[in-house]
Structure formats: structure tokens, C-alpha cells
């Protein structure tokens, strides 16, 4: 195994994604957890770039790192949550969790160690954004439009429910 720039970039991005996930699970403050989640999302976008999936990388950054994270921050800031500290997890439980993680990692490693995938395609990344657009707007145009209708119905339903709650509060006063 040679140490190429691509392999080094993969290692850095993969370890960053894993580290961000571990930080997200272990941090105490919710806003810090969201920042760790953004770190993970951006690392995954970098992995998509290494796989020559630039469209997926852009979608990852725009939708997950941007929109979903902002939505989570608004949800955190607009809700009333108590910042109570929960009990610390015992050392024995941490060791059991660590052994479980190591066991899972070993199972995955031995599962893919001698995996033969056959002949590799070399031209999959050529014009991939154009191919996605053509498939989305030719073969899958009906499901795409149905999904937009479902999202519109969900938005209208959320507005109706919010308005109904506001009217009930006004009637109670």
C-alpha cells in the first residue's frame, strides 16, 4: 500500500468524520453537538469529492451542513430546554462500549478484507451531474413532482396546525 495524496486525504476526512460523530455523542451542550455534527457533514462531503461525486458533495454541504443545521439550531433556540447535567456514565460501561466499538470495527474489517468487487468501472464520474439531471427530469419526473406535492401538503398542514394553536391560545385568554 503506497501513501498517496488521495489515500492521505481519505484518512484525514474519514478520521474527521468519525471524530465529529464521537464528539457529537460525548459533548454536553446541544449547540456544541450541532457544531460537531456540521464537522461530520463537511467531512463526508469531502469524501464525496474524493469519490468524484461533486453533485452529492454540493448537496451534502447545502442541505445537511446548511439547512438542516440551521433548522436544528432554530429548534434548539426556540424551545425551552433545561440545561441539567445528567449522571456521568460509569467507567465499566465506557469499557464495554469501547469493546463493542472495537468488535464492530474488527467485524467490518474482516468482512471487507478479502472482498473481491470484480472489474472496476473507470468512467462513472464523467458528467455525473448531467446524468443525474437527465435521469431526474426524464425517468423520475413523476415521483419528483409527487414529492414536491407531499412537501407542500406538509407545509400547509404545519401552518394550519400552528394557526389553530394560536387561535386556541387567544380564546383561552
N, C-alpha and C. Protein backbone atom coordinates (compact mmCIF):
# COMPACT_ATOMS: atom_id res chain seq x y z
N UNK A 1 0.85 -1.17 0.00
CA UNK A 1 0.00 0.00 0.00
C UNK A 1 0.89 1.24 0.00
N UNK A 2 0.72 2.07 -1.00
CA UNK A 2 1.53 3.28 -1.09
C UNK A 2 0.76 4.45 -0.49
N UNK A 3 1.49 5.39 0.06
CA UNK A 3 0.89 6.55 0.70
C UNK A 3 0.76 7.66 -0.32
N UNK A 4 -0.38 7.68 -1.00
CA UNK A 4 -0.64 8.72 -2.00
C UNK A 4 -1.38 9.87 -1.35
N UNK A 5 -1.49 10.96 -2.06
CA UNK A 5 -2.23 12.11 -1.55
C UNK A 5 -3.70 11.81 -1.38
N UNK A 6 -4.25 11.02 -2.30
CA UNK A 6 -5.66 10.66 -2.21
C UNK A 6 -5.93 9.80 -0.97
N UNK A 7 -5.02 8.84 -0.70
CA UNK A 7 -5.17 7.99 0.48
C UNK A 7 -5.03 8.80 1.75
N UNK A 8 -4.10 9.73 1.77
CA UNK A 8 -3.90 10.59 2.94
C UNK A 8 -5.13 11.48 3.17
N UNK A 9 -5.69 12.03 2.09
CA UNK A 9 -6.90 12.85 2.21
C UNK A 9 -8.06 12.01 2.73
N UNK A 10 -8.17 10.76 2.24
CA UNK A 10 -9.22 9.87 2.73
C UNK A 10 -9.07 9.62 4.22
N UNK A 11 -7.85 9.34 4.66
CA UNK A 11 -7.63 9.08 6.08
C UNK A 11 -8.01 10.29 6.93
N UNK A 12 -7.60 11.47 6.51
CA UNK A 12 -7.89 12.68 7.27
C UNK A 12 -9.40 12.92 7.32
N UNK A 13 -10.08 12.79 6.17
CA UNK A 13 -11.52 13.04 6.13
C UNK A 13 -12.29 11.97 6.89
N UNK A 14 -11.90 10.72 6.76
CA UNK A 14 -12.59 9.65 7.47
C UNK A 14 -12.43 9.79 8.98
N UNK A 15 -11.21 10.07 9.42
CA UNK A 15 -10.99 10.26 10.86
C UNK A 15 -11.70 11.50 11.37
N UNK A 16 -11.80 12.54 10.54
CA UNK A 16 -12.55 13.73 10.94
C UNK A 16 -14.03 13.44 11.08
N UNK A 17 -14.57 12.67 10.15
CA UNK A 17 -15.99 12.31 10.23
C UNK A 17 -16.27 11.45 11.46
N UNK A 18 -15.41 10.49 11.73
CA UNK A 18 -15.58 9.63 12.90
C UNK A 18 -15.40 10.45 14.19
N UNK A 19 -14.38 11.31 14.19
CA UNK A 19 -14.15 12.15 15.36
C UNK A 19 -15.31 13.09 15.63
N UNK A 20 -15.88 13.68 14.58
CA UNK A 20 -17.03 14.55 14.76
C UNK A 20 -18.23 13.79 15.32
N UNK A 21 -18.42 12.56 14.85
CA UNK A 21 -19.51 11.74 15.38
C UNK A 21 -19.31 11.40 16.84
N UNK A 22 -18.08 11.06 17.20
CA UNK A 22 -17.79 10.73 18.60
C UNK A 22 -17.96 11.97 19.48
N UNK A 23 -17.48 13.11 18.99
CA UNK A 23 -17.67 14.35 19.76
C UNK A 23 -19.14 14.68 19.93
N UNK A 24 -19.93 14.49 18.87
CA UNK A 24 -21.35 14.79 18.95
C UNK A 24 -22.02 13.95 20.04
N UNK A 25 -21.61 12.70 20.16
CA UNK A 25 -22.22 11.83 21.16
C UNK A 25 -21.74 12.11 22.57
N UNK A 26 -20.57 12.69 22.73
CA UNK A 26 -19.99 12.86 24.05
C UNK A 26 -20.06 14.27 24.61
N UNK A 27 -20.38 15.26 23.80
CA UNK A 27 -20.44 16.63 24.30
C UNK A 27 -21.70 16.83 25.14
N UNK A 28 -21.66 17.81 26.03
CA UNK A 28 -22.78 18.04 26.95
C UNK A 28 -23.76 19.08 26.43
N UNK A 29 -23.28 20.11 25.78
CA UNK A 29 -24.16 21.19 25.32
C UNK A 29 -24.67 20.88 23.91
N UNK A 30 -25.95 21.17 23.70
CA UNK A 30 -26.60 20.80 22.45
C UNK A 30 -26.02 21.59 21.27
N UNK A 31 -25.71 22.85 21.48
CA UNK A 31 -25.15 23.66 20.40
C UNK A 31 -23.78 23.12 19.99
N UNK A 32 -22.99 22.68 20.95
CA UNK A 32 -21.69 22.09 20.62
C UNK A 32 -21.87 20.78 19.85
N UNK A 33 -22.92 20.04 20.18
CA UNK A 33 -23.22 18.81 19.44
C UNK A 33 -23.53 19.12 17.98
N UNK A 34 -24.28 20.18 17.74
CA UNK A 34 -24.63 20.56 16.38
C UNK A 34 -23.38 20.97 15.60
N UNK A 35 -22.47 21.67 16.25
CA UNK A 35 -21.21 22.06 15.59
C UNK A 35 -20.40 20.81 15.22
N UNK A 36 -20.36 19.83 16.13
CA UNK A 36 -19.66 18.58 15.82
C UNK A 36 -20.34 17.85 14.67
N UNK A 37 -21.67 17.92 14.61
CA UNK A 37 -22.40 17.30 13.51
C UNK A 37 -22.08 17.97 12.18
N UNK A 38 -21.96 19.30 12.19
CA UNK A 38 -21.57 20.03 10.97
C UNK A 38 -20.18 19.59 10.53
N UNK A 39 -19.28 19.43 11.47
CA UNK A 39 -17.92 18.95 11.18
C UNK A 39 -17.98 17.60 10.48
N UNK A 40 -18.84 16.72 10.97
CA UNK A 40 -19.01 15.40 10.36
C UNK A 40 -19.59 15.53 8.95
N UNK A 41 -20.60 16.36 8.78
CA UNK A 41 -21.23 16.54 7.47
C UNK A 41 -20.23 17.05 6.44
N UNK A 42 -19.40 18.01 6.82
CA UNK A 42 -18.43 18.57 5.88
C UNK A 42 -17.35 17.53 5.54
N UNK A 43 -16.97 16.72 6.51
CA UNK A 43 -16.00 15.65 6.23
C UNK A 43 -16.58 14.64 5.24
N UNK A 44 -17.85 14.33 5.40
CA UNK A 44 -18.50 13.39 4.47
C UNK A 44 -18.58 14.01 3.07
N UNK A 45 -18.83 15.31 3.00
CA UNK A 45 -18.82 15.98 1.69
C UNK A 45 -17.44 15.87 1.04
N UNK A 46 -16.39 15.99 1.83
CA UNK A 46 -15.04 15.81 1.30
C UNK A 46 -14.82 14.40 0.78
N UNK A 47 -15.39 13.41 1.46
CA UNK A 47 -15.29 12.02 0.97
C UNK A 47 -16.02 11.87 -0.36
N UNK A 48 -17.15 12.55 -0.51
CA UNK A 48 -17.86 12.52 -1.79
C UNK A 48 -17.01 13.11 -2.91
N UNK A 49 -16.27 14.17 -2.61
CA UNK A 49 -15.38 14.77 -3.62
C UNK A 49 -14.31 13.77 -4.02
N UNK A 50 -13.77 13.04 -3.06
CA UNK A 50 -12.77 12.03 -3.38
C UNK A 50 -13.33 10.91 -4.26
N UNK A 51 -14.63 10.67 -4.15
CA UNK A 51 -15.28 9.65 -4.98
C UNK A 51 -15.76 10.20 -6.32
N UNK A 52 -15.39 11.44 -6.63
CA UNK A 52 -15.79 12.12 -7.87
C UNK A 52 -17.30 12.30 -7.96
N UNK A 53 -17.95 12.50 -6.83
CA UNK A 53 -19.39 12.75 -6.78
C UNK A 53 -19.59 14.19 -6.31
N UNK A 54 -19.22 15.13 -7.16
CA UNK A 54 -19.24 16.54 -6.79
C UNK A 54 -20.65 17.03 -6.52
N UNK A 55 -21.63 16.52 -7.26
CA UNK A 55 -23.02 16.93 -7.04
C UNK A 55 -23.47 16.53 -5.64
N UNK A 56 -23.17 15.30 -5.24
CA UNK A 56 -23.54 14.85 -3.90
C UNK A 56 -22.81 15.66 -2.83
N UNK A 57 -21.57 16.02 -3.09
CA UNK A 57 -20.82 16.84 -2.13
C UNK A 57 -21.48 18.21 -1.97
N UNK A 58 -21.89 18.81 -3.08
CA UNK A 58 -22.55 20.12 -3.01
C UNK A 58 -23.89 20.00 -2.28
N UNK A 59 -24.64 18.95 -2.56
CA UNK A 59 -25.92 18.74 -1.87
C UNK A 59 -25.69 18.51 -0.39
N UNK A 60 -24.66 17.76 -0.05
CA UNK A 60 -24.32 17.49 1.35
C UNK A 60 -24.04 18.80 2.08
N UNK A 61 -23.27 19.67 1.47
CA UNK A 61 -22.92 20.93 2.12
C UNK A 61 -24.14 21.85 2.20
N UNK A 62 -24.89 21.96 1.10
CA UNK A 62 -26.03 22.88 1.09
C UNK A 62 -27.16 22.42 1.99
N UNK A 63 -27.55 21.16 1.87
CA UNK A 63 -28.72 20.69 2.60
C UNK A 63 -28.39 20.32 4.03
N UNK A 64 -27.41 19.46 4.23
CA UNK A 64 -27.13 19.00 5.58
C UNK A 64 -26.34 20.02 6.39
N UNK A 65 -25.21 20.44 5.87
CA UNK A 65 -24.38 21.37 6.64
C UNK A 65 -25.04 22.73 6.77
N UNK A 66 -25.85 23.08 5.81
CA UNK A 66 -26.51 24.38 5.86
C UNK A 66 -27.90 24.33 6.44
N UNK A 67 -28.84 23.83 5.65
CA UNK A 67 -30.25 23.92 6.00
C UNK A 67 -30.63 23.11 7.24
N UNK A 68 -30.24 21.86 7.30
CA UNK A 68 -30.62 21.02 8.43
C UNK A 68 -30.00 21.55 9.72
N UNK A 69 -28.76 21.99 9.65
CA UNK A 69 -28.09 22.50 10.85
C UNK A 69 -28.75 23.78 11.33
N UNK A 70 -29.10 24.68 10.42
CA UNK A 70 -29.79 25.91 10.81
C UNK A 70 -31.14 25.58 11.42
N UNK A 71 -31.84 24.62 10.82
CA UNK A 71 -33.14 24.19 11.36
C UNK A 71 -32.98 23.63 12.77
N UNK A 72 -31.94 22.84 13.00
CA UNK A 72 -31.69 22.29 14.34
C UNK A 72 -31.37 23.40 15.33
N UNK A 73 -30.57 24.38 14.92
CA UNK A 73 -30.24 25.48 15.82
C UNK A 73 -31.47 26.31 16.16
N UNK A 74 -32.34 26.57 15.16
CA UNK A 74 -33.58 27.28 15.45
C UNK A 74 -34.44 26.48 16.42
N UNK A 75 -34.52 25.18 16.20
CA UNK A 75 -35.30 24.33 17.11
C UNK A 75 -34.76 24.36 18.52
N UNK A 76 -33.44 24.37 18.66
CA UNK A 76 -32.83 24.42 19.99
C UNK A 76 -33.11 25.76 20.65
N UNK A 77 -32.95 26.83 19.88
CA UNK A 77 -33.08 28.15 20.46
C UNK A 77 -34.54 28.53 20.76
N UNK A 78 -35.47 28.00 19.99
CA UNK A 78 -36.88 28.36 20.18
C UNK A 78 -37.60 27.47 21.18
N UNK A 79 -36.99 26.39 21.60
CA UNK A 79 -37.64 25.53 22.58
C UNK A 79 -37.07 25.81 23.96
N UNK A 80 -37.86 25.47 24.94
CA UNK A 80 -37.43 25.66 26.33
C UNK A 80 -36.84 24.35 26.82
N UNK A 81 -35.54 24.30 26.88
CA UNK A 81 -34.89 23.08 27.34
C UNK A 81 -34.08 23.39 28.58
N UNK A 82 -34.07 22.45 29.48
CA UNK A 82 -33.32 22.62 30.72
C UNK A 82 -31.89 22.14 30.52
N UNK A 83 -30.97 22.89 31.02
CA UNK A 83 -29.55 22.54 30.89
C UNK A 83 -29.09 21.78 32.14
N UNK A 84 -29.84 20.76 32.52
CA UNK A 84 -29.47 19.99 33.69
C UNK A 84 -28.42 18.97 33.31
N UNK A 85 -27.49 18.78 34.21
CA UNK A 85 -26.45 17.79 33.98
C UNK A 85 -26.96 16.42 34.40
N UNK A 86 -26.78 15.45 33.54
CA UNK A 86 -27.18 14.10 33.86
C UNK A 86 -26.01 13.39 34.53
N UNK A 87 -26.31 12.23 35.12
CA UNK A 87 -25.26 11.48 35.78
C UNK A 87 -24.20 11.04 34.78
N UNK A 88 -22.97 11.03 35.24
CA UNK A 88 -21.87 10.57 34.41
C UNK A 88 -21.96 9.06 34.23
N UNK A 89 -21.54 8.58 33.08
CA UNK A 89 -21.55 7.15 32.81
C UNK A 89 -20.35 6.51 33.52
N UNK A 90 -20.56 5.34 34.09
CA UNK A 90 -19.50 4.69 34.86
C UNK A 90 -18.38 4.23 33.92
N UNK A 91 -17.21 4.01 34.52
CA UNK A 91 -16.03 3.58 33.76
C UNK A 91 -16.24 2.19 33.17
N UNK A 92 -16.91 1.31 33.90
CA UNK A 92 -17.17 -0.04 33.39
C UNK A 92 -18.02 -0.01 32.13
N UNK A 93 -19.02 0.87 32.12
CA UNK A 93 -19.87 0.99 30.94
C UNK A 93 -19.08 1.55 29.76
N UNK A 94 -18.20 2.50 30.01
CA UNK A 94 -17.35 3.04 28.94
C UNK A 94 -16.45 1.96 28.35
N UNK A 95 -15.93 1.08 29.18
CA UNK A 95 -15.07 -0.01 28.69
C UNK A 95 -15.88 -0.97 27.83
N UNK A 96 -17.10 -1.29 28.28
CA UNK A 96 -17.96 -2.19 27.50
C UNK A 96 -18.29 -1.56 26.14
N UNK A 97 -18.58 -0.26 26.14
CA UNK A 97 -18.87 0.44 24.88
C UNK A 97 -17.64 0.42 23.97
N UNK A 98 -16.47 0.68 24.53
CA UNK A 98 -15.24 0.67 23.74
C UNK A 98 -14.98 -0.72 23.15
N UNK A 99 -15.18 -1.77 23.93
CA UNK A 99 -15.01 -3.14 23.42
C UNK A 99 -16.01 -3.45 22.31
N UNK A 100 -17.23 -2.95 22.46
CA UNK A 100 -18.24 -3.13 21.41
C UNK A 100 -17.84 -2.44 20.12
N UNK A 101 -17.32 -1.23 20.23
CA UNK A 101 -16.87 -0.48 19.05
C UNK A 101 -15.70 -1.19 18.38
N UNK A 102 -14.76 -1.65 19.16
CA UNK A 102 -13.61 -2.37 18.60
C UNK A 102 -14.06 -3.66 17.93
N UNK A 103 -15.00 -4.38 18.56
CA UNK A 103 -15.53 -5.61 17.96
C UNK A 103 -16.24 -5.34 16.65
N UNK A 104 -17.03 -4.27 16.61
CA UNK A 104 -17.72 -3.91 15.38
C UNK A 104 -16.72 -3.55 14.29
N UNK A 105 -15.70 -2.77 14.65
CA UNK A 105 -14.67 -2.39 13.67
C UNK A 105 -13.93 -3.60 13.12
N UNK A 106 -13.60 -4.55 13.99
CA UNK A 106 -12.92 -5.78 13.54
C UNK A 106 -13.83 -6.61 12.63
N UNK A 107 -15.11 -6.70 12.97
CA UNK A 107 -16.05 -7.45 12.13
C UNK A 107 -16.16 -6.83 10.74
N UNK A 108 -16.23 -5.52 10.68
CA UNK A 108 -16.27 -4.83 9.38
C UNK A 108 -14.96 -5.04 8.63
N UNK A 109 -13.83 -4.93 9.32
CA UNK A 109 -12.54 -5.09 8.67
C UNK A 109 -12.40 -6.49 8.06
N UNK A 110 -12.69 -7.51 8.84
CA UNK A 110 -12.55 -8.88 8.32
C UNK A 110 -13.61 -9.20 7.28
N UNK A 111 -14.73 -8.49 7.33
CA UNK A 111 -15.77 -8.68 6.32
C UNK A 111 -15.38 -8.15 4.95
N UNK A 112 -14.59 -7.07 4.93
CA UNK A 112 -14.23 -6.48 3.64
C UNK A 112 -12.77 -6.70 3.27
N UNK A 113 -12.00 -7.40 4.09
CA UNK A 113 -10.57 -7.56 3.85
C UNK A 113 -10.29 -8.26 2.53
N UNK A 114 -10.93 -9.38 2.26
CA UNK A 114 -10.70 -10.12 1.02
C UNK A 114 -11.86 -10.00 0.06
N UNK A 115 -12.60 -8.93 0.14
CA UNK A 115 -13.77 -8.73 -0.71
C UNK A 115 -13.31 -8.44 -2.14
N UNK A 116 -13.81 -9.21 -3.08
CA UNK A 116 -13.48 -9.01 -4.50
C UNK A 116 -14.68 -8.39 -5.18
N UNK A 117 -14.51 -7.20 -5.73
CA UNK A 117 -15.62 -6.49 -6.35
C UNK A 117 -15.67 -6.67 -7.86
N UNK A 118 -14.74 -7.37 -8.42
CA UNK A 118 -14.74 -7.55 -9.87
C UNK A 118 -14.07 -6.38 -10.57
N UNK A 119 -14.36 -6.25 -11.85
CA UNK A 119 -13.75 -5.19 -12.64
C UNK A 119 -14.33 -3.84 -12.27
N UNK A 120 -13.47 -2.87 -12.07
CA UNK A 120 -13.89 -1.53 -11.67
C UNK A 120 -14.20 -0.67 -12.89
N UNK A 121 -15.31 0.03 -12.84
CA UNK A 121 -15.66 0.97 -13.90
C UNK A 121 -14.81 2.23 -13.74
N UNK A 122 -14.28 2.72 -14.84
CA UNK A 122 -13.39 3.88 -14.76
C UNK A 122 -14.04 5.18 -15.23
N UNK A 123 -15.23 5.11 -15.82
CA UNK A 123 -15.83 6.32 -16.36
C UNK A 123 -17.15 6.69 -15.69
N UNK A 124 -17.36 6.25 -14.47
CA UNK A 124 -18.61 6.57 -13.77
C UNK A 124 -18.71 8.04 -13.40
N UNK A 125 -17.59 8.69 -13.14
CA UNK A 125 -17.61 10.07 -12.68
C UNK A 125 -17.66 11.09 -13.81
N UNK A 126 -17.68 10.65 -15.04
CA UNK A 126 -17.71 11.57 -16.17
C UNK A 126 -19.14 12.08 -16.35
N UNK A 127 -19.31 13.38 -16.27
CA UNK A 127 -20.62 14.04 -16.44
C UNK A 127 -21.68 13.48 -15.49
N UNK A 128 -21.31 13.23 -14.23
CA UNK A 128 -22.27 12.63 -13.32
C UNK A 128 -23.41 13.57 -12.96
N UNK A 129 -23.17 14.87 -12.86
CA UNK A 129 -24.24 15.81 -12.56
C UNK A 129 -25.23 15.88 -13.70
N UNK A 130 -24.73 15.86 -14.92
CA UNK A 130 -25.62 15.87 -16.08
C UNK A 130 -26.45 14.59 -16.13
N UNK A 131 -25.85 13.46 -15.81
CA UNK A 131 -26.58 12.19 -15.81
C UNK A 131 -27.67 12.18 -14.73
N UNK A 132 -27.36 12.74 -13.58
CA UNK A 132 -28.36 12.82 -12.51
C UNK A 132 -29.53 13.69 -12.95
N UNK A 133 -29.23 14.83 -13.54
CA UNK A 133 -30.29 15.73 -14.01
C UNK A 133 -31.15 15.09 -15.08
N UNK A 134 -30.52 14.42 -16.04
CA UNK A 134 -31.30 13.76 -17.09
C UNK A 134 -32.18 12.65 -16.52
N UNK A 135 -31.66 11.88 -15.61
CA UNK A 135 -32.46 10.81 -15.00
C UNK A 135 -33.60 11.38 -14.17
N UNK A 136 -33.31 12.44 -13.42
CA UNK A 136 -34.32 13.02 -12.54
C UNK A 136 -35.46 13.65 -13.32
N UNK A 137 -35.16 14.33 -14.41
CA UNK A 137 -36.19 15.04 -15.15
C UNK A 137 -36.71 14.28 -16.37
N UNK A 138 -36.27 13.04 -16.58
CA UNK A 138 -36.84 12.25 -17.66
C UNK A 138 -37.50 10.99 -17.11
N UNK A 139 -36.73 10.12 -16.47
CA UNK A 139 -37.28 8.87 -15.95
C UNK A 139 -38.10 9.07 -14.68
N UNK A 140 -37.64 9.95 -13.80
CA UNK A 140 -38.24 10.07 -12.48
C UNK A 140 -38.96 11.40 -12.27
N UNK A 141 -39.53 11.97 -13.32
CA UNK A 141 -40.18 13.26 -13.18
C UNK A 141 -41.48 13.15 -12.37
N UNK A 142 -42.23 12.06 -12.51
CA UNK A 142 -43.49 11.90 -11.77
C UNK A 142 -43.20 11.76 -10.26
N UNK A 143 -42.29 10.86 -9.82
CA UNK A 143 -42.01 10.82 -8.38
C UNK A 143 -41.43 12.13 -7.84
N UNK A 144 -40.65 12.82 -8.67
CA UNK A 144 -40.08 14.11 -8.25
C UNK A 144 -41.19 15.12 -7.99
N UNK A 145 -42.15 15.19 -8.88
CA UNK A 145 -43.27 16.13 -8.71
C UNK A 145 -44.19 15.70 -7.57
N UNK A 146 -44.40 14.41 -7.41
CA UNK A 146 -45.22 13.93 -6.29
C UNK A 146 -44.58 14.28 -4.96
N UNK A 147 -43.28 14.19 -4.90
CA UNK A 147 -42.58 14.55 -3.67
C UNK A 147 -42.75 16.04 -3.37
N UNK A 148 -42.74 16.88 -4.38
CA UNK A 148 -42.95 18.31 -4.14
C UNK A 148 -44.37 18.57 -3.64
N UNK A 149 -45.35 17.81 -4.12
CA UNK A 149 -46.73 17.95 -3.64
C UNK A 149 -46.82 17.50 -2.17
N UNK A 150 -46.16 16.40 -1.83
CA UNK A 150 -46.16 15.92 -0.43
C UNK A 150 -45.54 16.96 0.48
N UNK A 151 -44.44 17.56 0.07
CA UNK A 151 -43.80 18.60 0.89
C UNK A 151 -44.69 19.83 1.03
N UNK A 152 -45.40 20.20 -0.05
CA UNK A 152 -46.31 21.33 0.01
C UNK A 152 -47.46 21.04 0.97
N UNK A 153 -48.02 19.83 0.93
CA UNK A 153 -49.10 19.46 1.85
C UNK A 153 -48.61 19.49 3.29
N UNK A 154 -47.39 19.00 3.53
CA UNK A 154 -46.83 19.04 4.88
C UNK A 154 -46.65 20.48 5.37
N UNK A 155 -46.21 21.37 4.49
CA UNK A 155 -46.04 22.77 4.85
C UNK A 155 -47.38 23.42 5.18
N UNK A 156 -48.38 23.18 4.36
CA UNK A 156 -49.71 23.75 4.61
C UNK A 156 -50.28 23.18 5.91
N UNK A 157 -50.10 21.87 6.14
CA UNK A 157 -50.58 21.26 7.38
C UNK A 157 -49.91 21.86 8.60
N UNK A 158 -48.61 22.13 8.53
CA UNK A 158 -47.90 22.75 9.65
C UNK A 158 -48.42 24.15 9.91
N UNK A 159 -48.71 24.91 8.86
CA UNK A 159 -49.25 26.26 9.02
C UNK A 159 -50.63 26.21 9.66
N UNK A 160 -51.48 25.28 9.20
CA UNK A 160 -52.83 25.15 9.76
C UNK A 160 -52.76 24.78 11.24
N UNK A 161 -51.90 23.83 11.59
CA UNK A 161 -51.77 23.43 12.99
C UNK A 161 -51.24 24.58 13.86
N UNK A 162 -50.29 25.33 13.35
CA UNK A 162 -49.75 26.45 14.11
C UNK A 162 -50.80 27.53 14.30
N UNK A 163 -51.58 27.79 13.26
CA UNK A 163 -52.64 28.80 13.35
C UNK A 163 -53.73 28.35 14.31
N UNK A 164 -54.05 27.07 14.30
CA UNK A 164 -55.07 26.52 15.19
C UNK A 164 -54.64 26.67 16.65
N UNK A 165 -53.38 26.37 16.95
CA UNK A 165 -52.86 26.53 18.31
C UNK A 165 -52.89 27.99 18.75
N UNK A 166 -52.60 28.90 17.83
CA UNK A 166 -52.60 30.32 18.16
C UNK A 166 -54.01 30.80 18.45
N UNK A 167 -54.99 30.31 17.69
CA UNK A 167 -56.39 30.68 17.93
C UNK A 167 -56.87 30.12 19.26
N UNK A 168 -56.46 28.91 19.62
CA UNK A 168 -56.85 28.33 20.90
C UNK A 168 -56.27 29.12 22.07
N UNK A 169 -55.04 29.59 21.94
CA UNK A 169 -54.43 30.41 22.98
C UNK A 169 -55.16 31.73 23.13
N UNK A 170 -55.58 32.32 22.00
CA UNK A 170 -56.32 33.59 22.06
C UNK A 170 -57.68 33.40 22.70
N UNK A 171 -58.33 32.27 22.45
CA UNK A 171 -59.64 32.01 23.04
C UNK A 171 -59.55 31.76 24.54
N UNK A 172 -58.44 31.18 25.00
CA UNK A 172 -58.27 30.90 26.42
C UNK A 172 -58.07 32.17 27.23
N UNK A 173 -57.50 33.19 26.62
CA UNK A 173 -57.25 34.45 27.33
C UNK A 173 -58.51 35.21 27.43
